[in-house]
Amino acid sequence: MTQPLTFAVPKGRILDEALPVMARGGVVPESAFHDKMDRSLSFASEDGAMRIIRVRAFDVATFVAFGAAQVGIVGSDVIEEFDYSELYAPVDLGIGACRLSVAEPAEANDYSAGIASHMRVATKYPNITSRWFEQQGVQAECVKLNGAMELAPSLGLAGRIVDLVSTGSTLKSNGLVEKETIMQISARLIVNRAALKTDPRVSELVERFRKVAAES
């Protein structure tokens, strides 16, 4: 019997936007998926053809890269941070738009990426951050945080942060200002390269989502 495909989706901000796109692509989770009291991480699709797993965004990339899931949806920030060779991102879904930016305390008005040869930066994205600062001729000592980045400057943990920015209101309410945009971000359909080559269901799914993206 053919095993169902495993489709990985991220918890959090992208998921609400992703669900209607998934539905147009024929991927509809069973009703239990929407039950806030249900703590399961794995669900069937309505048609039973897929298993849908709901995990942290960074883990979506890992599950797909290592073949535990064949398909997933994740932000381009995560793809760039991990740079897995086995990940292929064939479709920009046009959702989850935001940007990855450098921010600092509002009173620090002497900002320049090249103002010092070394600086400490708090971020969830140490690989992207260190590469970007290196291109500016700066060695960035990255302090890895998984959240509450905005607290780092006021508590003396780091002089600057690199984080996702949508409206900028969170930065403002924590006394920070956005200084540089590192990259624009949107959600992508990702697939495991080996699965794409060997399982026609994966390539069919890619084509369906390409049509959905083209129509939106």
Protein backbone atom coordinates (compact mmCIF):
# COMPACT_ATOMS: atom_id res chain seq x y z
CA MET A 1 0.00 0.00 0.00
CA THR A 2 1.32 3.46 -0.93
CA GLN A 3 2.26 5.58 2.05
CA PRO A 4 0.60 9.01 2.21
CA LEU A 5 2.77 12.00 1.47
CA THR A 6 3.81 14.02 4.51
CA PHE A 7 3.19 17.76 4.22
CA ALA A 8 4.86 19.95 6.88
CA VAL A 9 3.32 23.29 7.84
CA PRO A 10 4.63 25.91 10.29
CA LYS A 11 2.95 26.96 13.49
CA GLY A 12 2.47 30.68 13.87
CA ARG A 13 1.92 33.63 11.60
CA ILE A 14 2.23 31.96 8.19
CA LEU A 15 -0.25 29.15 8.88
CA ASP A 16 -3.40 31.29 8.82
CA GLU A 17 -2.45 32.60 5.40
CA ALA A 18 -1.26 29.21 4.19
CA LEU A 19 -4.46 27.26 4.88
CA PRO A 20 -6.59 28.92 2.13
CA VAL A 21 -3.70 28.50 -0.34
CA MET A 22 -3.37 24.84 0.63
CA ALA A 23 -7.11 24.34 0.16
CA ARG A 24 -6.91 25.76 -3.37
CA GLY A 25 -4.08 23.30 -3.99
CA GLY A 26 -6.22 20.42 -2.76
CA VAL A 27 -4.56 19.99 0.64
CA VAL A 28 -7.24 20.26 3.33
CA PRO A 29 -6.54 19.08 6.90
CA GLU A 30 -9.09 17.02 8.79
CA SER A 31 -11.34 18.95 11.18
CA ALA A 32 -9.26 17.98 14.25
CA PHE A 33 -6.45 20.17 12.87
CA HIS A 34 -8.52 23.26 13.73
CA ASP A 35 -9.42 22.10 17.24
CA LYS A 36 -7.39 24.33 19.57
CA MET A 37 -7.70 21.74 22.35
CA ASP A 38 -6.10 19.04 20.20
CA ARG A 39 -2.37 18.82 20.97
CA SER A 40 -1.61 16.37 18.16
CA LEU A 41 1.18 17.27 15.77
CA SER A 42 0.12 14.95 12.95
CA PHE A 43 -3.20 14.96 11.11
CA ALA A 44 -4.73 13.33 8.06
CA SER A 45 -5.92 15.34 5.09
CA GLU A 46 -9.65 15.25 4.39
CA ASP A 47 -9.12 12.92 1.42
CA GLY A 48 -6.69 10.68 3.36
CA ALA A 49 -3.96 11.10 0.73
CA MET A 50 -1.63 13.03 3.02
CA ARG A 51 -0.34 13.32 6.53
CA ILE A 52 -0.10 16.97 7.62
CA ILE A 53 2.37 17.73 10.39
CA ARG A 54 2.34 21.03 12.28
CA VAL A 55 5.78 21.96 13.61
CA ARG A 56 7.98 24.99 14.26
CA ALA A 57 8.97 26.85 11.10
CA PHE A 58 12.67 26.00 11.44
CA ASP A 59 11.73 22.33 11.83
CA VAL A 60 9.68 22.34 8.62
CA ALA A 61 12.90 22.83 6.66
CA THR A 62 14.66 20.04 8.56
CA PHE A 63 11.84 17.52 8.15
CA VAL A 64 11.70 18.15 4.40
CA ALA A 65 15.47 18.29 3.86
CA PHE A 66 15.96 14.90 5.52
CA GLY A 67 13.00 13.31 3.74
CA ALA A 68 10.80 12.79 6.80
CA ALA A 69 8.32 15.05 5.01
CA GLN A 70 8.25 15.32 1.24
CA VAL A 71 6.60 18.73 0.96
CA GLY A 72 6.19 21.79 3.18
CA ILE A 73 5.52 25.49 3.45
CA VAL A 74 8.01 27.81 5.10
CA GLY A 75 9.34 31.36 4.90
CA SER A 76 12.29 32.16 2.64
CA ASP A 77 14.13 33.34 5.77
CA VAL A 78 14.24 29.75 7.05
CA ILE A 79 15.36 28.40 3.67
CA GLU A 80 18.18 30.95 3.54
CA GLU A 81 19.27 30.33 7.13
CA PHE A 82 19.68 26.57 6.73
CA ASP A 83 20.67 26.41 3.05
CA TYR A 84 20.01 22.65 2.91
CA SER A 85 21.17 21.16 -0.40
CA GLU A 86 18.24 18.71 -0.40
CA LEU A 87 15.65 21.49 -0.24
CA TYR A 88 14.09 22.84 -3.40
CA ALA A 89 11.73 25.83 -3.23
CA PRO A 90 9.91 25.89 -6.59
CA VAL A 91 6.93 28.11 -5.75
CA ASP A 92 6.69 31.55 -4.15
CA LEU A 93 3.21 31.45 -2.60
CA GLY A 94 2.99 35.22 -2.22
CA ILE A 95 1.96 35.07 1.45
CA GLY A 96 3.67 35.75 4.77
CA ALA A 97 5.34 38.88 3.47
CA CYS A 98 7.74 40.62 5.84
CA ARG A 99 11.43 41.48 5.95
CA LEU A 100 14.53 40.57 7.92
CA SER A 101 16.11 43.72 9.26
CA VAL A 102 18.80 45.15 11.50
CA ALA A 103 17.47 47.26 14.38
CA GLU A 104 19.05 49.17 17.24
CA PRO A 105 17.97 51.42 20.13
CA ALA A 106 16.39 54.66 18.92
CA GLU A 107 18.91 56.77 20.84
CA ALA A 108 21.88 55.16 19.08
CA ASN A 109 21.89 57.62 16.18
CA ASP A 110 25.40 56.89 14.90
CA TYR A 111 24.44 53.69 13.09
CA SER A 112 26.61 52.48 10.27
CA ALA A 113 27.16 48.82 9.42
CA GLY A 114 30.83 49.63 9.07
CA ILE A 115 31.14 51.76 12.20
CA ALA A 116 33.12 49.01 13.95
CA SER A 117 34.97 45.94 12.81
CA HIS A 118 33.20 43.85 15.43
CA MET A 119 29.75 43.95 17.00
CA ARG A 120 27.44 41.70 18.98
CA VAL A 121 24.06 40.98 17.43
CA ALA A 122 21.12 39.08 18.93
CA THR A 123 19.23 37.03 16.36
CA LYS A 124 17.40 33.84 15.51
CA TYR A 125 19.33 33.85 12.22
CA PRO A 126 23.07 33.58 13.00
CA ASN A 127 24.04 32.28 9.54
CA ILE A 128 22.25 34.98 7.53
CA THR A 129 23.36 37.65 10.00
CA SER A 130 27.04 36.75 10.05
CA ARG A 131 27.12 36.49 6.23
CA TRP A 132 25.44 39.86 5.78
CA PHE A 133 27.69 41.70 8.23
CA GLU A 134 30.74 40.03 6.73
CA GLN A 135 29.76 41.53 3.38
CA GLN A 136 29.82 44.95 5.12
CA GLY A 137 33.31 44.22 6.43
CA VAL A 138 32.09 43.61 9.98
CA GLN A 139 32.64 40.55 12.15
CA ALA A 140 29.32 39.90 13.89
CA GLU A 141 29.30 37.93 17.10
CA CYS A 142 25.82 36.41 16.97
CA VAL A 143 23.95 35.66 20.17
CA LYS A 144 21.30 33.07 19.28
CA LEU A 145 17.86 33.80 20.71
CA ASN A 146 14.60 32.10 19.79
CA GLY A 147 12.40 35.01 20.84
CA ALA A 148 12.22 38.27 22.80
CA MET A 149 14.98 39.67 20.59
CA GLU A 150 13.83 43.21 21.33
CA LEU A 151 14.98 42.92 24.95
CA ALA A 152 18.61 42.23 24.08
CA PRO A 153 19.82 45.85 23.62
CA SER A 154 18.11 47.26 26.74
CA LEU A 155 19.54 44.45 28.89
CA GLY A 156 23.03 44.81 27.48
CA LEU A 157 23.08 41.44 25.76
CA ALA A 158 23.74 42.90 22.31
CA GLY A 159 23.91 46.34 20.73
CA ARG A 160 21.76 45.40 17.75
CA ILE A 161 19.28 42.77 16.71
CA VAL A 162 18.38 41.08 13.44
CA ASP A 163 14.76 40.00 13.36
CA LEU A 164 11.62 39.74 11.25
CA VAL A 165 9.76 43.01 10.80
CA SER A 166 6.25 43.43 9.49
CA THR A 167 4.76 46.74 10.65
CA GLY A 168 7.61 47.80 12.92
CA SER A 169 5.25 48.35 15.85
CA THR A 170 6.98 45.76 18.07
CA LEU A 171 10.33 47.47 17.51
CA LYS A 172 8.85 50.89 18.28
CA SER A 173 7.18 49.74 21.48
CA ASN A 174 10.54 48.39 22.67
CA GLY A 175 12.48 51.58 21.85
CA LEU A 176 14.13 50.21 18.71
CA VAL A 177 14.36 51.53 15.16
CA GLU A 178 14.84 49.60 11.92
CA LYS A 179 18.10 50.55 10.19
CA GLU A 180 18.82 48.14 7.35
CA THR A 181 16.80 45.55 5.44
CA ILE A 182 18.76 42.35 4.90
CA MET A 183 16.13 40.53 2.80
CA GLN A 184 12.48 40.57 1.80
CA ILE A 185 10.64 37.42 2.82
CA SER A 186 7.64 35.44 1.61
CA ALA A 187 6.40 31.89 2.14
CA ARG A 188 7.51 29.19 -0.30
CA LEU A 189 6.41 25.69 -1.16
CA ILE A 190 9.43 23.48 -0.47
CA VAL A 191 10.04 19.89 -1.53
CA ASN A 192 12.65 17.23 -0.92
CA ARG A 193 14.75 16.94 -4.08
CA ALA A 194 14.96 13.14 -3.96
CA ALA A 195 11.19 12.82 -3.47
CA LEU A 196 10.58 15.17 -6.38
CA LYS A 197 12.63 12.90 -8.65
CA THR A 198 11.16 9.61 -7.47
CA ASP A 199 7.54 10.29 -6.52
CA PRO A 200 5.23 11.66 -9.23
CA ARG A 201 2.78 12.79 -6.54
CA VAL A 202 5.29 15.41 -5.42
CA SER A 203 5.76 16.90 -8.89
CA GLU A 204 1.98 16.89 -9.38
CA LEU A 205 1.61 18.81 -6.11
CA VAL A 206 4.21 21.35 -7.24
CA GLU A 207 2.27 21.95 -10.45
CA ARG A 208 -0.98 22.43 -8.55
CA PHE A 209 0.60 25.02 -6.28
CA ARG A 210 2.23 26.76 -9.24
CA LYS A 211 -1.24 27.23 -10.72
CA VAL A 212 -2.61 28.47 -7.40
CA ALA A 213 0.22 31.02 -7.09
CA ALA A 214 -0.24 32.17 -10.69
CA GLU A 215 -3.96 32.73 -10.15
CA SER A 216 -3.59 34.71 -6.92
